[in-house]
Protein backbone atom coordinates (compact mmCIF):
# COMPACT_ATOMS: atom_id res chain seq x y z
CA MET A 1 86.77 147.84 172.60
CA THR A 2 84.01 150.13 170.74
CA SER A 3 79.95 149.63 170.69
CA GLU A 4 77.57 151.79 168.42
CA ILE A 5 74.44 152.00 169.83
CA ILE A 6 71.57 153.04 167.03
CA GLU A 7 68.04 153.76 168.27
CA THR A 8 64.81 153.31 166.82
CA LYS A 9 63.95 157.00 166.24
CA ASP A 10 67.23 157.44 164.36
CA LEU A 11 66.47 155.05 161.90
CA LYS A 12 62.66 156.30 160.85
CA ASN A 13 63.91 158.29 158.09
CA ASP A 14 66.95 156.01 157.01
CA PRO A 15 66.49 154.80 153.35
CA VAL A 16 68.80 151.40 154.12
CA PHE A 17 66.85 149.91 156.56
CA GLY A 18 63.45 150.82 154.85
CA GLN A 19 64.44 148.15 152.18
CA LEU A 20 65.34 145.51 155.16
CA SER A 21 63.55 143.63 157.53
CA PHE A 22 63.27 146.72 160.15
CA ASP A 23 60.08 146.39 162.25
CA ASN A 24 60.49 148.81 164.90
CA HIS A 25 63.08 147.74 166.54
CA GLU A 26 64.22 149.14 170.08
CA GLN A 27 68.15 148.97 169.75
CA ILE A 28 70.68 148.03 167.22
CA VAL A 29 74.11 147.54 168.93
CA PHE A 30 77.27 147.37 166.51
CA CYS A 31 80.21 145.85 168.47
CA ASN A 32 83.67 146.20 167.25
CA ASP A 33 87.22 145.16 168.71
CA GLU A 34 90.55 146.04 166.90
CA ASP A 35 92.25 143.33 169.35
CA THR A 36 90.08 140.13 168.61
CA GLY A 37 88.71 141.30 165.07
CA LEU A 38 85.26 140.83 166.66
CA LYS A 39 82.62 142.35 164.33
CA ALA A 40 79.06 141.67 165.82
CA ILE A 41 75.81 143.44 165.91
CA ILE A 42 73.58 142.76 168.45
CA GLY A 43 69.64 143.68 167.49
CA ILE A 44 66.75 144.32 169.92
CA HIS A 45 63.20 143.83 168.77
CA ASN A 46 60.81 144.36 171.72
CA THR A 47 60.97 144.19 175.60
CA THR A 48 57.23 144.21 176.94
CA LEU A 49 57.31 140.76 177.77
CA GLY A 50 60.47 141.10 179.33
CA PRO A 51 64.42 141.24 178.60
CA ALA A 52 64.98 140.06 175.29
CA LEU A 53 66.48 136.68 174.69
CA GLY A 54 67.95 134.98 171.70
CA GLY A 55 70.87 133.50 170.40
CA THR A 56 74.23 133.99 168.58
CA ARG A 57 74.60 133.26 165.51
CA MET A 58 78.26 133.00 163.82
CA TRP A 59 78.28 133.35 160.03
CA GLN A 60 80.99 134.20 157.06
CA TYR A 61 78.09 137.15 155.57
CA LYS A 62 78.96 138.18 152.13
CA SER A 63 78.27 142.07 153.82
CA GLU A 64 77.50 143.88 156.93
CA TRP A 65 74.63 145.06 155.37
CA GLU A 66 73.40 141.12 154.77
CA ALA A 67 74.67 140.35 158.72
CA VAL A 68 72.22 143.41 159.55
CA ASN A 69 69.45 142.34 157.62
CA ASP A 70 69.29 138.58 159.35
CA VAL A 71 69.71 139.73 162.71
CA LEU A 72 66.94 142.57 162.12
CA ARG A 73 64.87 139.19 160.78
CA LEU A 74 65.72 137.05 163.53
CA SER A 75 65.70 139.07 166.43
CA ARG A 76 61.67 139.96 165.27
CA GLY A 77 61.42 136.21 165.46
CA MET A 78 62.69 135.86 168.79
CA THR A 79 59.95 138.20 169.99
CA TYR A 80 56.92 136.41 168.56
CA LYS A 81 58.73 132.93 169.43
CA SER A 82 58.97 133.85 173.41
CA ALA A 83 55.23 135.23 173.19
CA ILE A 84 53.51 132.70 171.34
CA THR A 85 54.86 130.15 173.59
CA GLY A 86 53.85 132.03 177.03
CA LEU A 87 57.45 133.00 178.07
CA ASN A 88 58.13 136.13 179.94
CA LEU A 89 60.74 137.11 177.37
CA GLY A 90 61.26 139.51 174.39
CA GLY A 91 63.00 139.32 171.40
CA GLY A 92 66.65 139.89 170.76
CA LYS A 93 69.19 138.20 168.23
CA ALA A 94 73.37 138.81 168.22
CA VAL A 95 75.39 137.56 164.75
CA ILE A 96 79.21 137.83 164.62
CA ILE A 97 80.54 138.14 161.42
CA GLY A 98 83.21 135.19 160.62
CA ASP A 99 83.73 131.96 160.15
CA ALA A 100 83.54 129.89 163.94
CA LYS A 101 85.36 127.17 162.07
CA THR A 102 88.79 129.22 161.97
CA GLN A 103 88.03 132.84 163.57
CA LYS A 104 86.32 131.77 166.56
CA ASN A 105 88.27 131.78 170.03
CA ASP A 106 88.08 132.25 173.36
CA LYS A 107 89.42 135.97 173.94
CA LEU A 108 86.87 136.47 171.14
CA MET A 109 84.18 135.09 173.02
CA ARG A 110 84.77 136.75 176.08
CA ARG A 111 84.86 140.24 174.01
CA PHE A 112 81.49 139.83 173.06
CA GLY A 113 80.46 138.88 176.27
CA GLU A 114 81.59 142.10 177.58
CA PHE A 115 79.38 144.06 174.85
CA VAL A 116 76.36 141.81 175.91
CA ASN A 117 77.37 142.75 179.52
CA SER A 118 77.34 146.46 178.61
CA LEU A 119 73.09 146.20 177.98
CA SER A 120 73.20 145.63 181.76
CA GLY A 121 70.53 142.63 181.07
CA LYS A 122 68.72 144.28 178.41
CA TYR A 123 69.63 141.19 176.06
CA ILE A 124 70.51 137.83 177.14
CA THR A 125 72.36 135.51 174.69
CA ALA A 126 72.38 131.78 173.90
CA GLU A 127 73.68 129.59 171.13
CA ASP A 128 72.75 129.65 167.64
CA VAL A 129 74.58 128.57 164.35
CA GLY A 130 77.69 128.20 164.48
CA MET A 131 77.66 128.52 168.57
CA GLU A 132 78.50 125.51 170.87
CA THR A 133 77.14 125.26 174.36
CA ARG A 134 81.16 125.66 175.66
CA ASP A 135 81.13 129.50 173.77
CA MET A 136 78.26 129.96 176.37
CA ASP A 137 80.26 128.71 179.25
CA ILE A 138 83.34 131.30 178.36
CA ILE A 139 80.65 134.03 177.75
CA ARG A 140 79.53 134.04 181.45
CA GLU A 141 83.35 134.21 182.97
CA VAL A 142 82.40 137.88 182.14
CA THR A 143 78.54 138.36 182.27
CA PRO A 144 75.68 136.76 183.91
CA HIS A 145 73.46 137.66 180.51
CA VAL A 146 73.86 134.33 179.12
CA THR A 147 71.74 131.27 179.02
CA GLY A 148 72.59 127.73 177.38
CA ILE A 149 75.66 127.19 179.43
CA SER A 150 76.94 123.46 180.25
CA GLU A 151 74.67 121.30 183.35
CA ALA A 152 77.99 121.02 184.61
CA ASN A 153 77.94 124.66 185.10
CA GLY A 154 74.78 124.41 186.14
CA GLY A 155 73.20 125.40 183.31
CA ALA A 156 70.41 123.59 180.80
CA GLY A 157 72.80 122.45 178.39
CA ASN A 158 72.59 122.21 174.81
CA PRO A 159 69.34 123.38 173.34
CA SER A 160 69.48 121.29 170.21
CA PRO A 161 67.57 118.03 171.36
CA ILE A 162 65.00 120.35 172.96
CA THR A 163 64.56 121.95 169.54
CA ALA A 164 64.32 118.64 167.52
CA TYR A 165 61.63 117.56 170.04
CA GLY A 166 59.79 120.43 169.54
CA VAL A 167 59.56 120.53 165.36
CA TYR A 168 58.75 116.59 165.62
CA MET A 169 56.04 117.72 167.73
CA GLY A 170 55.00 120.22 165.39
CA MET A 171 55.29 118.37 162.47
CA LYS A 172 53.02 115.12 164.07
CA ALA A 173 50.47 118.20 164.97
CA ALA A 174 50.76 119.33 161.14
CA ALA A 175 50.73 115.58 160.04
CA LYS A 176 47.20 115.37 161.89
CA TYR A 177 45.55 118.37 160.40
CA LYS A 178 47.03 117.09 156.47
CA PHE A 179 46.41 113.51 156.93
CA GLY A 180 43.95 112.50 159.47
CA THR A 181 46.42 111.10 161.13
CA ASP A 182 49.93 111.95 163.78
CA ASN A 183 51.62 108.51 162.54
CA LEU A 184 54.82 109.32 160.69
CA ASP A 185 55.12 105.48 159.80
CA GLY A 186 55.63 105.45 155.86
CA LYS A 187 55.69 109.26 155.59
CA LYS A 188 58.45 110.79 152.94
CA VAL A 189 60.58 113.27 154.78
CA LEU A 190 62.82 115.66 153.30
CA VAL A 191 64.92 117.22 155.97
CA GLN A 192 67.26 120.16 154.85
CA GLY A 193 70.22 120.72 156.85
CA VAL A 194 71.48 117.57 159.38
CA GLY A 195 72.94 119.94 161.85
CA HIS A 196 72.54 119.32 165.68
CA VAL A 197 68.65 119.94 165.69
CA GLY A 198 68.50 118.45 162.12
CA GLU A 199 70.29 115.15 163.08
CA THR A 200 68.03 114.83 166.20
CA LEU A 201 64.66 115.45 164.21
CA VAL A 202 66.26 112.75 161.88
CA LYS A 203 66.38 110.34 164.90
CA HIS A 204 62.89 110.89 166.08
CA ILE A 205 60.92 110.62 162.62
CA SER A 206 63.04 107.22 161.66
CA ASP A 207 62.37 106.02 164.89
CA GLU A 208 58.82 106.65 163.87
CA GLY A 209 59.05 104.55 160.55
CA ALA A 210 59.29 107.71 158.40
CA GLN A 211 61.16 107.25 155.01
CA VAL A 212 63.66 110.07 155.38
CA ILE A 213 65.44 112.13 152.52
CA LEU A 214 68.59 114.41 153.49
CA ASN A 215 69.99 117.42 152.16
CA ASP A 216 73.15 119.72 153.13
CA ILE A 217 75.79 121.34 151.86
CA ASN A 218 78.21 118.63 153.73
CA GLU A 219 78.16 115.51 151.61
CA GLU A 220 80.54 113.77 154.28
CA ARG A 221 77.90 114.34 156.94
CA LEU A 222 75.25 113.29 154.68
CA GLN A 223 76.88 110.15 153.64
CA GLU A 224 77.72 109.17 157.61
CA LEU A 225 74.21 110.21 158.70
CA SER A 226 72.87 108.20 155.63
CA LYS A 227 74.25 105.18 157.09
CA LYS A 228 73.27 106.09 160.46
CA TYR A 229 69.48 106.43 160.00
CA ASN A 230 69.29 104.41 156.92
CA ALA A 231 68.12 107.19 154.71
CA ASN A 232 68.80 108.69 151.13
CA VAL A 233 70.25 111.15 150.39
CA VAL A 234 69.70 114.26 147.45
CA LEU A 235 72.25 116.51 146.98
CA GLY A 236 72.25 120.03 145.44
CA ASN A 237 69.34 122.53 145.37
CA ASP A 238 67.12 120.80 143.26
CA ILE A 239 64.98 119.40 145.60
CA TYR A 240 61.86 121.14 146.11
CA GLY A 241 59.96 119.27 143.47
CA LEU A 242 60.37 115.64 144.59
CA ASP A 243 57.61 113.52 145.70
CA ILE A 244 57.80 113.79 149.42
CA ASP A 245 55.02 114.03 152.00
CA ILE A 246 56.40 116.47 154.60
CA TYR A 247 59.09 119.14 153.83
CA ALA A 248 61.40 120.30 157.10
CA PRO A 249 63.79 123.11 156.36
CA CYS A 250 66.72 123.14 158.80
CA ALA A 251 69.18 124.96 157.60
CA LEU A 252 69.14 128.89 156.98
CA GLY A 253 66.02 130.87 155.96
CA ALA A 254 63.78 132.08 153.22
CA THR A 255 64.07 128.92 151.66
CA LEU A 256 60.41 129.24 151.29
CA ASN A 257 60.21 132.00 147.72
CA ASP A 258 58.40 132.61 144.28
CA GLU A 259 60.85 129.97 142.82
CA THR A 260 60.77 126.95 145.30
CA ILE A 261 57.12 126.99 146.28
CA LYS A 262 55.95 126.74 142.54
CA GLN A 263 57.84 123.53 142.53
CA LEU A 264 57.04 121.98 146.38
CA GLN A 265 55.26 118.98 146.19
CA ALA A 266 54.91 118.59 149.86
CA LYS A 267 51.55 118.56 151.48
CA VAL A 268 53.05 119.58 155.15
CA VAL A 269 56.28 122.02 156.10
CA ALA A 270 57.36 121.84 159.21
CA GLY A 271 61.08 122.42 160.17
CA ALA A 272 63.46 124.16 162.55
CA ALA A 273 64.68 126.52 160.45
CA ASN A 274 63.79 130.38 161.60
CA ASN A 275 62.26 132.15 159.00
CA GLN A 276 61.49 130.04 156.45
CA LEU A 277 59.01 132.40 154.59
CA ALA A 278 61.23 135.09 152.05
CA ASN A 279 57.94 137.63 152.76
CA GLU A 280 55.78 135.94 155.30
CA ILE A 281 52.75 137.45 154.01
CA LYS A 282 53.09 136.63 149.85
CA HIS A 283 54.44 133.09 150.59
CA GLY A 284 52.58 132.37 153.38
CA LYS A 285 49.33 133.04 151.14
CA LEU A 286 51.06 131.21 148.49
CA LEU A 287 51.33 128.03 150.57
CA GLN A 288 47.63 128.15 151.38
CA GLU A 289 46.76 128.55 148.20
CA LYS A 290 48.24 125.42 147.25
CA GLY A 291 46.73 123.60 150.20
CA ILE A 292 50.22 123.05 151.64
CA ALA A 293 49.91 122.97 155.73
CA TYR A 294 52.55 125.38 157.41
CA ALA A 295 53.75 125.08 160.84
CA PRO A 296 54.97 128.19 161.56
CA ASP A 297 58.68 127.76 162.41
CA PHE A 298 58.91 130.39 165.59
CA LEU A 299 56.11 128.31 166.82
CA ILE A 300 57.48 124.96 166.55
CA ASN A 301 61.19 125.30 166.86
CA ALA A 302 60.46 127.34 170.29
CA GLY A 303 61.64 124.08 172.00
CA GLY A 304 65.48 125.98 172.37
CA ILE A 305 64.22 128.70 173.90
CA ILE A 306 61.91 126.89 176.34
CA ASN A 307 65.15 124.69 177.44
CA VAL A 308 67.04 127.82 178.07
CA TYR A 309 64.23 129.99 179.74
CA ALA A 310 64.48 127.17 182.22
CA GLU A 311 68.09 128.50 183.22
CA LEU A 312 65.82 131.65 184.37
CA VAL A 313 63.24 130.59 185.69
CA GLY A 314 64.42 127.54 187.24
CA TYR A 315 61.93 125.17 186.40
CA ASP A 316 62.93 121.15 186.02
CA LYS A 317 63.75 119.19 182.98
CA LYS A 318 60.32 117.31 183.44
CA GLU A 319 58.32 120.66 183.31
CA CYS A 320 60.66 121.77 179.85
CA ILE A 321 59.19 118.57 178.40
CA LYS A 322 56.09 119.28 179.17
CA ARG A 323 56.08 122.80 178.20
CA THR A 324 57.82 121.69 174.80
CA GLU A 325 55.03 118.96 174.17
CA ASN A 326 52.57 121.28 174.22
CA ILE A 327 53.62 122.81 171.12
CA TYR A 328 51.60 120.10 169.64
CA ASN A 329 48.02 121.28 170.80
CA THR A 330 48.77 124.67 169.46
CA THR A 331 50.25 123.69 166.44
CA LEU A 332 46.97 121.94 166.23
CA ASP A 333 45.10 125.34 167.38
CA ILE A 334 46.72 127.67 164.79
CA PHE A 335 45.39 125.20 162.02
CA THR A 336 42.18 125.56 163.43
CA MET A 337 41.84 129.16 163.63
CA ALA A 338 43.42 129.42 160.26
CA GLU A 339 40.59 127.73 158.47
CA LYS A 340 37.98 128.94 160.70
CA GLU A 341 39.06 133.23 160.03
CA ASN A 342 40.46 131.65 156.54
CA ILE A 343 43.89 133.46 157.29
CA THR A 344 47.35 131.92 156.94
CA THR A 345 48.81 129.84 159.74
CA HIS A 346 51.74 132.16 159.94
CA ARG A 347 49.26 135.32 160.80
CA ALA A 348 46.96 133.18 162.90
CA ALA A 349 50.17 132.20 164.81
CA PHE A 350 51.47 136.25 164.68
CA ASN A 351 48.03 137.19 166.11
CA ILE A 352 47.94 135.12 169.04
CA ALA A 353 51.60 136.61 169.79
CA GLN A 354 50.60 139.58 169.01
CA SER A 355 47.67 140.03 171.32
CA ARG A 356 49.85 138.81 173.75
CA ILE A 357 52.37 141.60 173.62
CA ASP A 358 49.49 144.35 173.25
CA LYS A 359 47.60 143.08 176.40
CA ARG A 360 50.65 143.58 177.90
CA LYS A 361 51.50 147.05 176.88
CA LYS A 362 48.53 148.32 177.58
CA GLU A 363 48.63 146.72 181.61
CA GLN A 364 51.93 148.64 181.40
CA ASN A 365 50.55 152.08 180.73
CA ASN A 366 47.44 151.49 183.08
């Protein structure tokens, strides 16, 4: 089992990282283990507010550089997610390169847990795409630096339902801002990606009377959920020009880009996916110019980290729900600030998060 740790100073003049999402990350750890075939990367973006907490994603990346880019973008997003949510946590993320359905096993999870443990609590892992609560339980066997373990083992359990609830709160707030009411009854909502979070979101909005359209690469699951929630299905990628009120990206990131925003008919974007804007500045501005109300992803999908944070500080499920429901108020505040200062909602949310980090850094330096 070997690991290579790259510090920030080693990357200042690296032309490859200059082309990726490198943004003054504190540390990047490359983890390799021949016995298990583990190839993983841990990205630690910022620990000013506390230890870097963020989930582990297992995905069959096309290349190692694609995996590096993903972990850099995701770990950076976690910094601002925790900051704007008021948690005393920094931003980190991990990716394991591989097919979760065919390559994941307990031995691989334990090896990964040993790498996490070697960082002595600077990074705390949790569940993400391709991972389950059971995997967190396995990792817990070799390190205490993991959250999202099962309730049977004293943890907060699967964070997906709380994540979905937070997205639902953010969607309702965005609807309130754009349509004058947060009632989703009759609203046409396209949910792209119906994994654990996406399905729970579908249940919330269906129960409220929304007209739901589902899109996913898994056709079998689409048909199953279509019957379960009486929802329509649209296959393929030609979805952005659909006549809808709300677009909810709940799969992978960067679905909001030059081409898709041009086609987008939705008046609101509110979904669970991380890093929805391919380019935060450019595409946040394009949405603003089109009059589309964008609920910043790192704000409204923070329910999951609120849920696992409970394991670290010991608050109960009631407090977890209360904090998640507050996403509604914060989202409305973001829209108000963005309009008042004539900036994008992404910039407004980013500014609030960054100011909290800067304030803590100033306190630490005094």
